Amino acid sequence: MTSQELDPEDAKIITLARSTRARTGATEGAGVRDTMGRTYTAATVNLPSLRLSALRLAVAMAVSSGADGLEAAAVVGEGETLPEEDLAAVADAAGASVPVLHAGPDGEVRSVLTAG
């Protein structure tokens, strides 16, 4: 799926996730959009005492900011798949029908997964 085929709001969270990944030099960047249209982005955290995927951190940021649900999520990185724990975090915050866009570093969507 190319960026021209995406909803503009979905393209936006991919762009923000790419930017976060590039700025931090992290393995992954992620973005989520809540039901109010607010976006949250995060990068992978890999400290000796704390390890979080970019997607789980973006979900945590949304929830800790008072989001009552999510409309969409995106992950940008080199990986071919997403861990079940990442999809479960989206499902916990948003329900099982929320799309999770999985894109490569170039921003091209490799797959659209469903949380849960």
Protein backbone atom coordinates (compact mmCIF):
# COMPACT_ATOMS: atom_id res chain seq x y z
CA MET A 1 0.00 0.00 0.00
CA THR A 2 1.47 3.35 -0.99
CA SER A 3 1.12 6.58 0.94
CA GLN A 4 -1.21 7.87 -1.80
CA GLU A 5 -3.67 5.07 -1.02
CA LEU A 6 -3.80 5.87 2.71
CA ASP A 7 -6.29 8.02 4.53
CA PRO A 8 -4.49 11.35 5.18
CA GLU A 9 -4.76 10.86 8.95
CA ASP A 10 -3.20 7.39 8.71
CA ALA A 11 -0.42 8.77 6.50
CA LYS A 12 0.17 11.41 9.18
CA ILE A 13 0.82 8.88 11.96
CA ILE A 14 3.21 6.98 9.69
CA THR A 15 5.07 10.22 8.93
CA LEU A 16 5.25 11.07 12.63
CA ALA A 17 6.46 7.55 13.49
CA ARG A 18 9.16 7.77 10.79
CA SER A 19 10.26 11.14 12.10
CA THR A 20 10.45 9.91 15.69
CA ARG A 21 12.46 6.86 14.63
CA ALA A 22 14.88 8.95 12.57
CA ARG A 23 15.30 11.64 15.23
CA THR A 24 16.15 9.14 17.97
CA GLY A 25 17.97 6.53 15.90
CA ALA A 26 15.71 3.87 17.42
CA THR A 27 14.89 0.47 16.00
CA GLU A 28 11.22 1.42 15.64
CA GLY A 29 9.00 4.45 15.70
CA ALA A 30 5.27 4.27 16.35
CA GLY A 31 2.27 6.52 16.38
CA VAL A 32 -1.29 6.19 17.58
CA ARG A 33 -4.35 8.39 17.05
CA ASP A 34 -6.96 8.56 19.79
CA THR A 35 -10.71 8.97 19.35
CA MET A 36 -10.35 12.76 19.78
CA GLY A 37 -7.88 12.92 16.86
CA ARG A 38 -4.82 13.53 19.06
CA THR A 39 -1.61 11.76 18.07
CA TYR A 40 1.10 10.26 20.24
CA THR A 41 4.46 9.06 18.97
CA ALA A 42 7.22 7.07 20.58
CA ALA A 43 10.46 5.27 19.84
CA THR A 44 11.77 1.97 21.12
CA VAL A 45 13.27 2.20 24.62
CA ASN A 46 16.13 -0.19 25.26
CA LEU A 47 17.66 0.52 28.67
CA PRO A 48 19.14 -2.08 31.00
CA SER A 49 16.23 -1.63 33.40
CA LEU A 50 13.45 -0.76 30.93
CA ARG A 51 12.60 -2.24 27.53
CA LEU A 52 9.52 -1.07 25.65
CA SER A 53 8.55 -1.34 22.03
CA ALA A 54 7.66 1.89 20.30
CA LEU A 55 4.03 0.82 19.89
CA ARG A 56 3.52 -0.18 23.52
CA LEU A 57 5.07 3.11 24.63
CA ALA A 58 2.84 5.13 22.26
CA VAL A 59 -0.22 3.30 23.63
CA ALA A 60 0.94 3.97 27.19
CA MET A 61 1.42 7.66 26.41
CA ALA A 62 -2.09 7.91 24.98
CA VAL A 63 -3.68 6.11 27.92
CA SER A 64 -1.69 8.13 30.49
CA SER A 65 -2.86 11.32 28.74
CA GLY A 66 -6.49 10.34 29.20
CA ALA A 67 -7.33 8.85 25.81
CA ASP A 68 -10.51 6.81 26.04
CA GLY A 69 -9.77 4.81 22.90
CA LEU A 70 -7.71 4.61 19.74
CA GLU A 71 -8.70 4.91 16.08
CA ALA A 72 -5.47 3.70 14.47
CA ALA A 73 -1.85 2.81 15.11
CA ALA A 74 1.29 2.62 13.00
CA VAL A 75 4.74 1.10 13.45
CA VAL A 76 7.76 1.92 11.30
CA GLY A 77 10.83 -0.28 11.38
CA GLU A 78 12.94 -2.96 9.75
CA GLY A 79 11.12 -5.91 11.34
CA GLU A 80 8.95 -8.23 9.29
CA THR A 81 6.36 -8.88 12.02
CA LEU A 82 4.98 -7.28 15.15
CA PRO A 83 4.98 -9.04 18.52
CA GLU A 84 1.60 -10.23 19.79
CA GLU A 85 2.21 -8.14 22.93
CA ASP A 86 2.21 -4.97 20.80
CA LEU A 87 -1.09 -5.86 19.14
CA ALA A 88 -2.53 -6.83 22.54
CA ALA A 89 -1.64 -3.40 23.96
CA VAL A 90 -3.56 -1.70 21.13
CA ALA A 91 -6.52 -4.05 21.65
CA ASP A 92 -6.51 -3.37 25.41
CA ALA A 93 -6.71 0.37 24.78
CA ALA A 94 -8.96 0.35 21.74
CA GLY A 95 -10.67 -2.94 21.05
CA ALA A 96 -9.93 -5.65 18.54
CA SER A 97 -10.98 -3.85 15.36
CA VAL A 98 -8.38 -1.07 15.34
CA PRO A 99 -6.03 -1.18 12.33
CA VAL A 100 -2.29 -1.33 12.97
CA LEU A 101 -0.29 -0.19 9.95
CA HIS A 102 3.11 -1.85 9.71
CA ALA A 103 5.48 0.14 7.50
CA GLY A 104 9.10 -0.09 6.46
CA PRO A 105 11.60 2.72 7.04
CA ASP A 106 10.58 4.21 3.68
CA GLY A 107 7.02 4.66 4.96
CA GLU A 108 5.50 2.11 2.60
CA VAL A 109 2.90 -0.01 4.37
CA ARG A 110 3.86 -3.69 4.39
CA SER A 111 0.73 -4.91 6.09
CA VAL A 112 -2.38 -3.79 7.92
CA LEU A 113 -2.95 -5.87 11.03
CA THR A 114 -5.87 -5.96 13.39
CA ALA A 115 -5.29 -5.48 17.10
CA GLY A 116 -6.26 -8.34 19.31
